[in-house]
PDB file of all heavy atoms in Angstrom:
ATOM      1  N   TYR A   1      -2.400 -18.589 -16.092  1.00  0.00           N
ATOM      2  CA  TYR A   1      -3.624 -17.883 -16.351  1.00  0.00           C
ATOM      3  C   TYR A   1      -4.835 -18.830 -16.257  1.00  0.00           C
ATOM      4  O   TYR A   1      -5.760 -18.696 -15.460  1.00  0.00           O
ATOM      5  CB  TYR A   1      -3.567 -17.173 -17.708  1.00  0.00           C
ATOM      6  CG  TYR A   1      -4.866 -16.484 -18.100  1.00  0.00           C
ATOM      7  CD1 TYR A   1      -5.355 -15.445 -17.381  1.00  0.00           C
ATOM      8  CD2 TYR A   1      -5.578 -16.924 -19.242  1.00  0.00           C
ATOM      9  CE1 TYR A   1      -6.534 -14.789 -17.775  1.00  0.00           C
ATOM     10  CE2 TYR A   1      -6.725 -16.345 -19.608  1.00  0.00           C
ATOM     11  CZ  TYR A   1      -7.257 -15.254 -18.876  1.00  0.00           C
ATOM     12  OH  TYR A   1      -8.389 -14.630 -19.259  1.00  0.00           O
ATOM     13  N   LYS A   2      -4.801 -19.880 -17.094  1.00  0.00           N
ATOM     14  CA  LYS A   2      -5.904 -20.848 -17.104  1.00  0.00           C
ATOM     15  C   LYS A   2      -5.935 -21.593 -15.797  1.00  0.00           C
ATOM     16  O   LYS A   2      -7.015 -22.016 -15.313  1.00  0.00           O
ATOM     17  CB  LYS A   2      -5.805 -21.703 -18.291  1.00  0.00           C
ATOM     18  CG  LYS A   2      -6.036 -21.007 -19.624  1.00  0.00           C
ATOM     19  CD  LYS A   2      -6.006 -21.998 -20.849  1.00  0.00           C
ATOM     20  CE  LYS A   2      -6.311 -21.215 -22.105  1.00  0.00           C
ATOM     21  NZ  LYS A   2      -6.220 -22.154 -23.323  1.00  0.00           N
ATOM     22  N   ASP A   3      -4.750 -21.971 -15.282  1.00  0.00           N
ATOM     23  CA  ASP A   3      -4.652 -22.781 -13.990  1.00  0.00           C
ATOM     24  C   ASP A   3      -5.400 -22.009 -12.924  1.00  0.00           C
ATOM     25  O   ASP A   3      -6.165 -22.601 -12.163  1.00  0.00           O
ATOM     26  CB  ASP A   3      -3.226 -22.998 -13.586  1.00  0.00           C
ATOM     27  CG  ASP A   3      -2.554 -23.995 -14.562  1.00  0.00           C
ATOM     28  OD1 ASP A   3      -3.283 -24.643 -15.330  1.00  0.00           O
ATOM     29  OD2 ASP A   3      -1.312 -24.061 -14.532  1.00  0.00           O
ATOM     30  N   GLN A   4      -5.101 -20.707 -12.733  1.00  0.00           N
ATOM     31  CA  GLN A   4      -5.724 -19.994 -11.592  1.00  0.00           C
ATOM     32  C   GLN A   4      -7.222 -19.777 -11.859  1.00  0.00           C
ATOM     33  O   GLN A   4      -7.986 -19.745 -10.846  1.00  0.00           O
ATOM     34  CB  GLN A   4      -5.023 -18.642 -11.450  1.00  0.00           C
ATOM     35  CG  GLN A   4      -3.634 -18.774 -10.861  1.00  0.00           C
ATOM     36  CD  GLN A   4      -3.253 -17.649  -9.896  1.00  0.00           C
ATOM     37  OE1 GLN A   4      -4.085 -16.911  -9.381  1.00  0.00           O
ATOM     38  NE2 GLN A   4      -1.968 -17.517  -9.678  1.00  0.00           N
ATOM     39  N   ILE A   5      -7.641 -19.588 -13.016  1.00  0.00           N
ATOM     40  CA  ILE A   5      -9.119 -19.436 -13.284  1.00  0.00           C
ATOM     41  C   ILE A   5      -9.776 -20.724 -12.909  1.00  0.00           C
ATOM     42  O   ILE A   5     -10.909 -20.715 -12.290  1.00  0.00           O
ATOM     43  CB  ILE A   5      -9.309 -19.097 -14.798  1.00  0.00           C
ATOM     44  CG1 ILE A   5      -9.008 -17.617 -15.065  1.00  0.00           C
ATOM     45  CG2 ILE A   5     -10.772 -19.392 -15.219  1.00  0.00           C
ATOM     46  CD1 ILE A   5      -9.210 -17.209 -16.523  1.00  0.00           C
ATOM     47  N   ALA A   6      -9.117 -21.885 -13.193  1.00  0.00           N
ATOM     48  CA  ALA A   6      -9.785 -23.145 -12.830  1.00  0.00           C
ATOM     49  C   ALA A   6      -9.761 -23.372 -11.304  1.00  0.00           C
ATOM     50  O   ALA A   6     -10.780 -23.908 -10.759  1.00  0.00           O
ATOM     51  CB  ALA A   6      -9.011 -24.318 -13.482  1.00  0.00           C
ATOM     52  N   GLN A   7      -8.675 -22.949 -10.617  1.00  0.00           N
ATOM     53  CA  GLN A   7      -8.535 -23.209  -9.228  1.00  0.00           C
ATOM     54  C   GLN A   7      -9.360 -22.226  -8.309  1.00  0.00           C
ATOM     55  O   GLN A   7      -9.793 -22.550  -7.264  1.00  0.00           O
ATOM     56  CB  GLN A   7      -7.105 -23.087  -8.787  1.00  0.00           C
ATOM     57  CG  GLN A   7      -6.210 -24.189  -9.381  1.00  0.00           C
ATOM     58  CD  GLN A   7      -4.682 -24.029  -9.091  1.00  0.00           C
ATOM     59  OE1 GLN A   7      -4.329 -23.249  -8.238  1.00  0.00           O
ATOM     60  NE2 GLN A   7      -3.866 -24.762  -9.785  1.00  0.00           N
ATOM     61  N   LEU A   8      -9.572 -20.966  -8.853  1.00  0.00           N
ATOM     62  CA  LEU A   8     -10.225 -19.935  -8.082  1.00  0.00           C
ATOM     63  C   LEU A   8     -11.575 -19.670  -8.692  1.00  0.00           C
ATOM     64  O   LEU A   8     -11.897 -18.546  -8.957  1.00  0.00           O
ATOM     65  CB  LEU A   8      -9.374 -18.675  -8.049  1.00  0.00           C
ATOM     66  CG  LEU A   8      -7.953 -18.826  -7.425  1.00  0.00           C
ATOM     67  CD1 LEU A   8      -7.183 -17.583  -7.555  1.00  0.00           C
ATOM     68  CD2 LEU A   8      -8.008 -19.291  -5.984  1.00  0.00           C
ATOM     69  N   ARG A   9     -12.374 -20.700  -8.832  1.00  0.00           N
ATOM     70  CA  ARG A   9     -13.694 -20.543  -9.468  1.00  0.00           C
ATOM     71  C   ARG A   9     -14.625 -19.691  -8.751  1.00  0.00           C
ATOM     72  O   ARG A   9     -15.607 -19.145  -9.269  1.00  0.00           O
ATOM     73  CB  ARG A   9     -14.281 -21.946  -9.701  1.00  0.00           C
ATOM     74  CG  ARG A   9     -13.549 -22.766 -10.776  1.00  0.00           C
ATOM     75  CD  ARG A   9     -14.151 -24.176 -10.889  1.00  0.00           C
ATOM     76  NE  ARG A   9     -13.348 -24.953 -11.842  1.00  0.00           N
ATOM     77  CZ  ARG A   9     -13.550 -26.232 -12.041  1.00  0.00           C
ATOM     78  NH1 ARG A   9     -14.455 -26.894 -11.334  1.00  0.00           N
ATOM     79  NH2 ARG A   9     -12.854 -26.845 -12.948  1.00  0.00           N
ATOM     80  N   GLU A  10     -14.396 -19.605  -7.380  1.00  0.00           N
ATOM     81  CA  GLU A  10     -15.312 -18.787  -6.586  1.00  0.00           C
ATOM     82  C   GLU A  10     -15.080 -17.265  -6.810  1.00  0.00           C
ATOM     83  O   GLU A  10     -15.918 -16.454  -6.385  1.00  0.00           O
ATOM     84  CB  GLU A  10     -15.148 -19.089  -5.079  1.00  0.00           C
ATOM     85  CG  GLU A  10     -13.888 -18.609  -4.412  1.00  0.00           C
ATOM     86  CD  GLU A  10     -12.640 -19.391  -4.778  1.00  0.00           C
ATOM     87  OE1 GLU A  10     -12.713 -20.354  -5.544  1.00  0.00           O
ATOM     88  OE2 GLU A  10     -11.568 -19.068  -4.237  1.00  0.00           O
ATOM     89  N   LYS A  11     -14.019 -16.946  -7.458  1.00  0.00           N
ATOM     90  CA  LYS A  11     -13.667 -15.467  -7.731  1.00  0.00           C
ATOM     91  C   LYS A  11     -13.978 -15.111  -9.132  1.00  0.00           C
ATOM     92  O   LYS A  11     -13.813 -15.972 -10.058  1.00  0.00           O
ATOM     93  CB  LYS A  11     -12.235 -15.188  -7.358  1.00  0.00           C
ATOM     94  CG  LYS A  11     -11.879 -15.319  -5.918  1.00  0.00           C
ATOM     95  CD  LYS A  11     -10.410 -14.979  -5.713  1.00  0.00           C
ATOM     96  CE  LYS A  11     -10.034 -15.093  -4.201  1.00  0.00           C
ATOM     97  NZ  LYS A  11     -10.670 -13.954  -3.419  1.00  0.00           N
ATOM     98  N   ASP A  12     -14.403 -13.918  -9.421  1.00  0.00           N
ATOM     99  CA  ASP A  12     -14.590 -13.404 -10.804  1.00  0.00           C
ATOM    100  C   ASP A  12     -13.199 -12.890 -11.262  1.00  0.00           C
ATOM    101  O   ASP A  12     -12.784 -11.803 -10.914  1.00  0.00           O
ATOM    102  CB  ASP A  12     -15.641 -12.274 -10.796  1.00  0.00           C
ATOM    103  CG  ASP A  12     -15.913 -11.748 -12.173  1.00  0.00           C
ATOM    104  OD1 ASP A  12     -15.298 -12.405 -13.163  1.00  0.00           O
ATOM    105  OD2 ASP A  12     -16.530 -10.737 -12.365  1.00  0.00           O
ATOM    106  N   LEU A  13     -12.574 -13.687 -12.104  1.00  0.00           N
ATOM    107  CA  LEU A  13     -11.274 -13.337 -12.618  1.00  0.00           C
ATOM    108  C   LEU A  13     -11.292 -12.936 -14.059  1.00  0.00           C
ATOM    109  O   LEU A  13     -10.320 -12.804 -14.750  1.00  0.00           O
ATOM    110  CB  LEU A  13     -10.288 -14.544 -12.458  1.00  0.00           C
ATOM    111  CG  LEU A  13      -9.974 -14.950 -11.007  1.00  0.00           C
ATOM    112  CD1 LEU A  13      -8.976 -16.040 -10.975  1.00  0.00           C
ATOM    113  CD2 LEU A  13      -9.490 -13.727 -10.168  1.00  0.00           C
ATOM    114  N   ALA A  14     -12.516 -12.654 -14.582  1.00  0.00           N
ATOM    115  CA  ALA A  14     -12.657 -12.111 -15.945  1.00  0.00           C
ATOM    116  C   ALA A  14     -12.473 -10.661 -15.909  1.00  0.00           C
ATOM    117  O   ALA A  14     -13.333  -9.920 -16.351  1.00  0.00           O
ATOM    118  CB  ALA A  14     -14.058 -12.564 -16.456  1.00  0.00           C
ATOM    119  N   THR A  15     -11.214 -10.294 -15.535  1.00  0.00           N
ATOM    120  CA  THR A  15     -10.923  -8.849 -15.422  1.00  0.00           C
ATOM    121  C   THR A  15      -9.750  -8.520 -16.267  1.00  0.00           C
ATOM    122  O   THR A  15      -8.887  -9.407 -16.492  1.00  0.00           O
ATOM    123  CB  THR A  15     -10.658  -8.380 -13.945  1.00  0.00           C
ATOM    124  OG1 THR A  15      -9.513  -9.127 -13.482  1.00  0.00           O
ATOM    125  CG2 THR A  15     -11.844  -8.724 -13.091  1.00  0.00           C
ATOM    126  N   TYR A  16      -9.583  -7.245 -16.678  1.00  0.00           N
ATOM    127  CA  TYR A  16      -8.439  -6.813 -17.397  1.00  0.00           C
ATOM    128  C   TYR A  16      -7.177  -6.935 -16.542  1.00  0.00           C
ATOM    129  O   TYR A  16      -6.091  -7.316 -16.996  1.00  0.00           O
ATOM    130  CB  TYR A  16      -8.582  -5.373 -17.834  1.00  0.00           C
ATOM    131  CG  TYR A  16      -7.321  -4.719 -18.337  1.00  0.00           C
ATOM    132  CD1 TYR A  16      -6.770  -5.031 -19.570  1.00  0.00           C
ATOM    133  CD2 TYR A  16      -6.617  -3.837 -17.507  1.00  0.00           C
ATOM    134  CE1 TYR A  16      -5.609  -4.448 -19.993  1.00  0.00           C
ATOM    135  CE2 TYR A  16      -5.457  -3.246 -17.889  1.00  0.00           C
ATOM    136  CZ  TYR A  16      -4.966  -3.558 -19.162  1.00  0.00           C
ATOM    137  OH  TYR A  16      -3.732  -2.937 -19.581  1.00  0.00           O
ATOM    138  N   GLY A  17      -7.306  -6.599 -15.266  1.00  0.00           N
ATOM    139  CA  GLY A  17      -6.144  -6.667 -14.384  1.00  0.00           C
ATOM    140  C   GLY A  17      -5.583  -8.055 -14.251  1.00  0.00           C
ATOM    141  O   GLY A  17      -4.322  -8.229 -14.204  1.00  0.00           O
ATOM    142  N   PHE A  18      -6.463  -9.109 -14.155  1.00  0.00           N
ATOM    143  CA  PHE A  18      -5.949 -10.451 -14.012  1.00  0.00           C
ATOM    144  C   PHE A  18      -5.289 -10.899 -15.252  1.00  0.00           C
ATOM    145  O   PHE A  18      -4.280 -11.521 -15.274  1.00  0.00           O
ATOM    146  CB  PHE A  18      -7.077 -11.371 -13.642  1.00  0.00           C
ATOM    147  CG  PHE A  18      -6.621 -12.769 -13.402  1.00  0.00           C
ATOM    148  CD1 PHE A  18      -5.776 -13.122 -12.283  1.00  0.00           C
ATOM    149  CD2 PHE A  18      -6.963 -13.789 -14.304  1.00  0.00           C
ATOM    150  CE1 PHE A  18      -5.362 -14.381 -12.136  1.00  0.00           C
ATOM    151  CE2 PHE A  18      -6.478 -15.116 -14.074  1.00  0.00           C
ATOM    152  CZ  PHE A  18      -5.665 -15.395 -12.986  1.00  0.00           C
ATOM    153  N   LEU A  19      -5.900 -10.628 -16.439  1.00  0.00           N
ATOM    154  CA  LEU A  19      -5.313 -10.999 -17.685  1.00  0.00           C
ATOM    155  C   LEU A  19      -3.930 -10.322 -17.910  1.00  0.00           C
ATOM    156  O   LEU A  19      -3.005 -10.922 -18.381  1.00  0.00           O
ATOM    157  CB  LEU A  19      -6.185 -10.666 -18.883  1.00  0.00           C
ATOM    158  CG  LEU A  19      -5.663 -10.921 -20.290  1.00  0.00           C
ATOM    159  CD1 LEU A  19      -5.443 -12.424 -20.505  1.00  0.00           C
ATOM    160  CD2 LEU A  19      -6.616 -10.352 -21.378  1.00  0.00           C
ATOM    161  N   GLY A  20      -3.889  -9.077 -17.443  1.00  0.00           N
ATOM    162  CA  GLY A  20      -2.651  -8.286 -17.672  1.00  0.00           C
ATOM    163  C   GLY A  20      -1.624  -8.358 -16.574  1.00  0.00           C
ATOM    164  O   GLY A  20      -0.602  -7.682 -16.703  1.00  0.00           O
ATOM    165  N   TYR A  21      -1.858  -9.227 -15.532  1.00  0.00           N
ATOM    166  CA  TYR A  21      -0.891  -9.156 -14.482  1.00  0.00           C
ATOM    167  C   TYR A  21       0.522  -9.567 -14.873  1.00  0.00           C
ATOM    168  O   TYR A  21       1.504  -9.081 -14.273  1.00  0.00           O
ATOM    169  CB  TYR A  21      -1.394  -9.963 -13.248  1.00  0.00           C
ATOM    170  CG  TYR A  21      -1.105 -11.455 -13.251  1.00  0.00           C
ATOM    171  CD1 TYR A  21       0.077 -11.920 -12.793  1.00  0.00           C
ATOM    172  CD2 TYR A  21      -2.055 -12.332 -13.756  1.00  0.00           C
ATOM    173  CE1 TYR A  21       0.318 -13.351 -12.736  1.00  0.00           C
ATOM    174  CE2 TYR A  21      -1.850 -13.699 -13.726  1.00  0.00           C
ATOM    175  CZ  TYR A  21      -0.642 -14.166 -13.246  1.00  0.00           C
ATOM    176  OH  TYR A  21      -0.438 -15.551 -13.283  1.00  0.00           O
ATOM    177  N   PRO A  22       0.698 -10.487 -15.901  1.00  0.00           N
ATOM    178  CA  PRO A  22       2.120 -10.809 -16.295  1.00  0.00           C
ATOM    179  C   PRO A  22       2.840  -9.555 -16.918  1.00  0.00           C
ATOM    180  O   PRO A  22       4.017  -9.465 -16.800  1.00  0.00           O
ATOM    181  CB  PRO A  22       1.922 -11.902 -17.360  1.00  0.00           C
ATOM    182  CG  PRO A  22       0.591 -12.517 -17.021  1.00  0.00           C
ATOM    183  CD  PRO A  22      -0.246 -11.366 -16.576  1.00  0.00           C
ATOM    184  N   VAL A  23       2.102  -8.639 -17.485  1.00  0.00           N
ATOM    185  CA  VAL A  23       2.663  -7.399 -17.993  1.00  0.00           C
ATOM    186  C   VAL A  23       3.111  -6.549 -16.872  1.00  0.00           C
ATOM    187  O   VAL A  23       4.219  -5.946 -16.861  1.00  0.00           O
ATOM    188  CB  VAL A  23       1.690  -6.607 -18.901  1.00  0.00           C
ATOM    189  CG1 VAL A  23       2.343  -5.366 -19.502  1.00  0.00           C
ATOM    190  CG2 VAL A  23       1.174  -7.515 -20.059  1.00  0.00           C
ATOM    191  N   LEU A  24       2.319  -6.416 -15.778  1.00  0.00           N
ATOM    192  CA  LEU A  24       2.749  -5.648 -14.571  1.00  0.00           C
ATOM    193  C   LEU A  24       3.941  -6.338 -13.961  1.00  0.00           C
ATOM    194  O   LEU A  24       4.840  -5.693 -13.552  1.00  0.00           O
ATOM    195  CB  LEU A  24       1.532  -5.634 -13.575  1.00  0.00           C
ATOM    196  CG  LEU A  24       1.795  -4.963 -12.254  1.00  0.00           C
ATOM    197  CD1 LEU A  24       2.361  -3.587 -12.442  1.00  0.00           C
ATOM    198  CD2 LEU A  24       0.615  -4.955 -11.357  1.00  0.00           C
ATOM    199  N   GLN A  25       3.952  -7.667 -13.928  1.00  0.00           N
ATOM    200  CA  GLN A  25       5.125  -8.373 -13.479  1.00  0.00           C
ATOM    201  C   GLN A  25       6.363  -8.078 -14.208  1.00  0.00           C
ATOM    202  O   GLN A  25       7.436  -7.878 -13.685  1.00  0.00           O
ATOM    203  CB  GLN A  25       4.773  -9.911 -13.416  1.00  0.00           C
ATOM    204  CG  GLN A  25       5.700 -10.764 -12.538  1.00  0.00           C
ATOM    205  CD  GLN A  25       5.224 -12.163 -12.429  1.00  0.00           C
ATOM    206  OE1 GLN A  25       4.836 -12.780 -13.469  1.00  0.00           O
ATOM    207  NE2 GLN A  25       5.188 -12.666 -11.225  1.00  0.00           N
ATOM    208  N   SER A  26       6.204  -8.032 -15.564  1.00  0.00           N
ATOM    209  CA  SER A  26       7.336  -7.641 -16.435  1.00  0.00           C
ATOM    210  C   SER A  26       7.848  -6.270 -16.162  1.00  0.00           C
ATOM    211  O   SER A  26       9.019  -5.977 -16.061  1.00  0.00           O
ATOM    212  CB  SER A  26       6.914  -7.726 -17.870  1.00  0.00           C
ATOM    213  OG  SER A  26       6.628  -9.118 -18.280  1.00  0.00           O
ATOM    214  N   ALA A  27       6.851  -5.326 -15.881  1.00  0.00           N
ATOM    215  CA  ALA A  27       7.273  -3.979 -15.545  1.00  0.00           C
ATOM    216  C   ALA A  27       8.020  -3.930 -14.208  1.00  0.00           C
ATOM    217  O   ALA A  27       8.983  -3.183 -14.102  1.00  0.00           O
ATOM    218  CB  ALA A  27       5.980  -3.072 -15.469  1.00  0.00           C
ATOM    219  N   ASP A  28       7.616  -4.772 -13.277  1.00  0.00           N
ATOM    220  CA  ASP A  28       8.276  -4.817 -11.962  1.00  0.00           C
ATOM    221  C   ASP A  28       9.744  -5.155 -12.148  1.00  0.00           C
ATOM    222  O   ASP A  28      10.625  -4.675 -11.409  1.00  0.00           O
ATOM    223  CB  ASP A  28       7.629  -5.865 -11.091  1.00  0.00           C
ATOM    224  CG  ASP A  28       6.153  -5.547 -10.751  1.00  0.00           C
ATOM    225  OD1 ASP A  28       5.816  -4.382 -10.686  1.00  0.00           O
ATOM    226  OD2 ASP A  28       5.378  -6.505 -10.499  1.00  0.00           O
ATOM    227  N   ILE A  29      10.023  -6.036 -13.138  1.00  0.00           N
ATOM    228  CA  ILE A  29      11.388  -6.506 -13.330  1.00  0.00           C
ATOM    229  C   ILE A  29      12.150  -5.515 -14.197  1.00  0.00           C
ATOM    230  O   ILE A  29      13.294  -5.086 -13.862  1.00  0.00           O
ATOM    231  CB  ILE A  29      11.353  -7.887 -13.992  1.00  0.00           C
ATOM    232  CG1 ILE A  29      10.654  -8.886 -13.142  1.00  0.00           C
ATOM    233  CG2 ILE A  29      12.768  -8.319 -14.448  1.00  0.00           C
ATOM    234  CD1 ILE A  29      10.301 -10.255 -13.851  1.00  0.00           C
ATOM    235  N   LEU A  30      11.578  -5.113 -15.266  1.00  0.00           N
ATOM    236  CA  LEU A  30      12.275  -4.249 -16.260  1.00  0.00           C
ATOM    237  C   LEU A  30      12.553  -2.857 -15.775  1.00  0.00           C
ATOM    238  O   LEU A  30      13.556  -2.229 -16.211  1.00  0.00           O
ATOM    239  CB  LEU A  30      11.518  -4.216 -17.578  1.00  0.00           C
ATOM    240  CG  LEU A  30      11.327  -5.575 -18.271  1.00  0.00           C
ATOM    241  CD1 LEU A  30      10.460  -5.464 -19.507  1.00  0.00           C
ATOM    242  CD2 LEU A  30      12.693  -6.111 -18.688  1.00  0.00           C
ATOM    243  N   ILE A  31      11.706  -2.342 -14.859  1.00  0.00           N
ATOM    244  CA  ILE A  31      11.892  -1.011 -14.335  1.00  0.00           C
ATOM    245  C   ILE A  31      13.265  -0.873 -13.639  1.00  0.00           C
ATOM    246  O   ILE A  31      13.788   0.279 -13.600  1.00  0.00           O
ATOM    247  CB  ILE A  31      10.765  -0.568 -13.385  1.00  0.00           C
ATOM    248  CG1 ILE A  31      10.694   0.924 -13.183  1.00  0.00           C
ATOM    249  CG2 ILE A  31      10.882  -1.300 -12.041  1.00  0.00           C
ATOM    250  CD1 ILE A  31      10.030   1.656 -14.289  1.00  0.00           C
ATOM    251  N   TYR A  32      13.843  -1.941 -13.161  1.00  0.00           N
ATOM    252  CA  TYR A  32      15.170  -1.888 -12.475  1.00  0.00           C
ATOM    253  C   TYR A  32      16.245  -2.490 -13.375  1.00  0.00           C
ATOM    254  O   TYR A  32      17.371  -2.682 -12.891  1.00  0.00           O
ATOM    255  CB  TYR A  32      15.072  -2.675 -11.165  1.00  0.00           C
ATOM    256  CG  TYR A  32      14.014  -1.965 -10.254  1.00  0.00           C
ATOM    257  CD1 TYR A  32      12.784  -2.567 -10.035  1.00  0.00           C
ATOM    258  CD2 TYR A  32      14.291  -0.760  -9.675  1.00  0.00           C
ATOM    259  CE1 TYR A  32      11.800  -1.919  -9.337  1.00  0.00           C
ATOM    260  CE2 TYR A  32      13.300  -0.113  -8.934  1.00  0.00           C
ATOM    261  CZ  TYR A  32      12.063  -0.741  -8.782  1.00  0.00           C
ATOM    262  OH  TYR A  32      11.088  -0.063  -8.039  1.00  0.00           O
ATOM    263  N   ARG A  33      15.913  -2.732 -14.602  1.00  0.00           N
ATOM    264  CA  ARG A  33      16.858  -3.314 -15.576  1.00  0.00           C
ATOM    265  C   ARG A  33      17.559  -4.556 -14.944  1.00  0.00           C
ATOM    266  O   ARG A  33      18.800  -4.663 -15.005  1.00  0.00           O
ATOM    267  CB  ARG A  33      17.835  -2.271 -16.048  1.00  0.00           C
ATOM    268  CG  ARG A  33      17.207  -1.179 -16.921  1.00  0.00           C
ATOM    269  CD  ARG A  33      18.167  -0.098 -17.209  1.00  0.00           C
ATOM    270  NE  ARG A  33      17.679   0.732 -18.304  1.00  0.00           N
ATOM    271  CZ  ARG A  33      17.770   2.049 -18.447  1.00  0.00           C
ATOM    272  NH1 ARG A  33      18.334   2.712 -17.476  1.00  0.00           N
ATOM    273  NH2 ARG A  33      17.368   2.658 -19.476  1.00  0.00           N
ATOM    274  N   ALA A  34      16.804  -5.373 -14.321  1.00  0.00           N
ATOM    275  CA  ALA A  34      17.316  -6.534 -13.661  1.00  0.00           C
ATOM    276  C   ALA A  34      17.983  -7.559 -14.579  1.00  0.00           C
ATOM    277  O   ALA A  34      17.464  -7.749 -15.636  1.00  0.00           O
ATOM    278  CB  ALA A  34      16.186  -7.242 -12.859  1.00  0.00           C
ATOM    279  N   THR A  35      19.092  -8.054 -14.126  1.00  0.00           N
ATOM    280  CA  THR A  35      19.790  -9.056 -14.899  1.00  0.00           C
ATOM    281  C   THR A  35      19.325 -10.458 -14.518  1.00  0.00           C
ATOM    282  O   THR A  35      19.411 -11.420 -15.284  1.00  0.00           O
ATOM    283  CB  THR A  35      21.325  -8.987 -14.745  1.00  0.00           C
ATOM    284  OG1 THR A  35      21.582  -9.021 -13.301  1.00  0.00           O
ATOM    285  CG2 THR A  35      21.804  -7.674 -15.277  1.00  0.00           C
ATOM    286  N   GLY A  36      18.825 -10.579 -13.261  1.00  0.00           N
ATOM    287  CA  GLY A  36      18.421 -11.932 -12.754  1.00  0.00           C
ATOM    288  C   GLY A  36      17.144 -11.828 -11.932  1.00  0.00           C
ATOM    289  O   GLY A  36      16.969 -10.813 -11.207  1.00  0.00           O
ATOM    290  N   VAL A  37      16.340 -12.826 -11.975  1.00  0.00           N
ATOM    291  CA  VAL A  37      15.086 -12.864 -11.142  1.00  0.00           C
ATOM    292  C   VAL A  37      14.991 -14.206 -10.446  1.00  0.00           C
ATOM    293  O   VAL A  37      14.867 -15.230 -11.087  1.00  0.00           O
ATOM    294  CB  VAL A  37      13.870 -12.736 -12.066  1.00  0.00           C
ATOM    295  CG1 VAL A  37      12.567 -12.498 -11.168  1.00  0.00           C
ATOM    296  CG2 VAL A  37      13.989 -11.518 -13.022  1.00  0.00           C
ATOM    297  N   PRO A  38      15.096 -14.235  -9.105  1.00  0.00           N
ATOM    298  CA  PRO A  38      15.106 -15.478  -8.351  1.00  0.00           C
ATOM    299  C   PRO A  38      13.647 -16.052  -8.380  1.00  0.00           C
ATOM    300  O   PRO A  38      12.755 -15.405  -7.781  1.00  0.00           O
ATOM    301  CB  PRO A  38      15.591 -15.191  -6.982  1.00  0.00           C
ATOM    302  CG  PRO A  38      15.285 -13.684  -6.851  1.00  0.00           C
ATOM    303  CD  PRO A  38      15.393 -13.074  -8.237  1.00  0.00           C
ATOM    304  N   VAL A  39      13.392 -17.151  -8.977  1.00  0.00           N
ATOM    305  CA  VAL A  39      12.060 -17.726  -9.083  1.00  0.00           C
ATOM    306  C   VAL A  39      12.154 -19.272  -8.950  1.00  0.00           C
ATOM    307  O   VAL A  39      13.205 -19.920  -9.121  1.00  0.00           O
ATOM    308  CB  VAL A  39      11.384 -17.405 -10.444  1.00  0.00           C
ATOM    309  CG1 VAL A  39      11.101 -15.920 -10.531  1.00  0.00           C
ATOM    310  CG2 VAL A  39      12.229 -17.850 -11.561  1.00  0.00           C
ATOM    311  N   GLY A  40      11.034 -19.828  -8.621  1.00  0.00           N
ATOM    312  CA  GLY A  40      10.832 -21.308  -8.773  1.00  0.00           C
ATOM    313  C   GLY A  40      10.470 -21.697 -10.150  1.00  0.00           C
ATOM    314  O   GLY A  40      10.203 -20.837 -11.025  1.00  0.00           O
ATOM    315  N   GLU A  41      10.480 -23.029 -10.371  1.00  0.00           N
ATOM    316  CA  GLU A  41      10.199 -23.476 -11.767  1.00  0.00           C
ATOM    317  C   GLU A  41       8.867 -23.017 -12.284  1.00  0.00           C
ATOM    318  O   GLU A  41       8.679 -22.762 -13.471  1.00  0.00           O
ATOM    319  CB  GLU A  41      10.282 -25.028 -11.821  1.00  0.00           C
ATOM    320  CG  GLU A  41      11.739 -25.571 -11.631  1.00  0.00           C
ATOM    321  CD  GLU A  41      11.869 -27.016 -11.811  1.00  0.00           C
ATOM    322  OE1 GLU A  41      10.825 -27.638 -12.118  1.00  0.00           O
ATOM    323  OE2 GLU A  41      12.979 -27.519 -11.635  1.00  0.00           O
TER     324      GLU A  41
END
């Protein structure tokens, strides 16, 4: 969250959608009752 705000200073990221995107990401996973999620560190 803080990393992207620092890196993308030219964009206005003071939005509800940006703050809440990890919740949308959680919904993406939980909606399929996934047991595993392939990700990088």
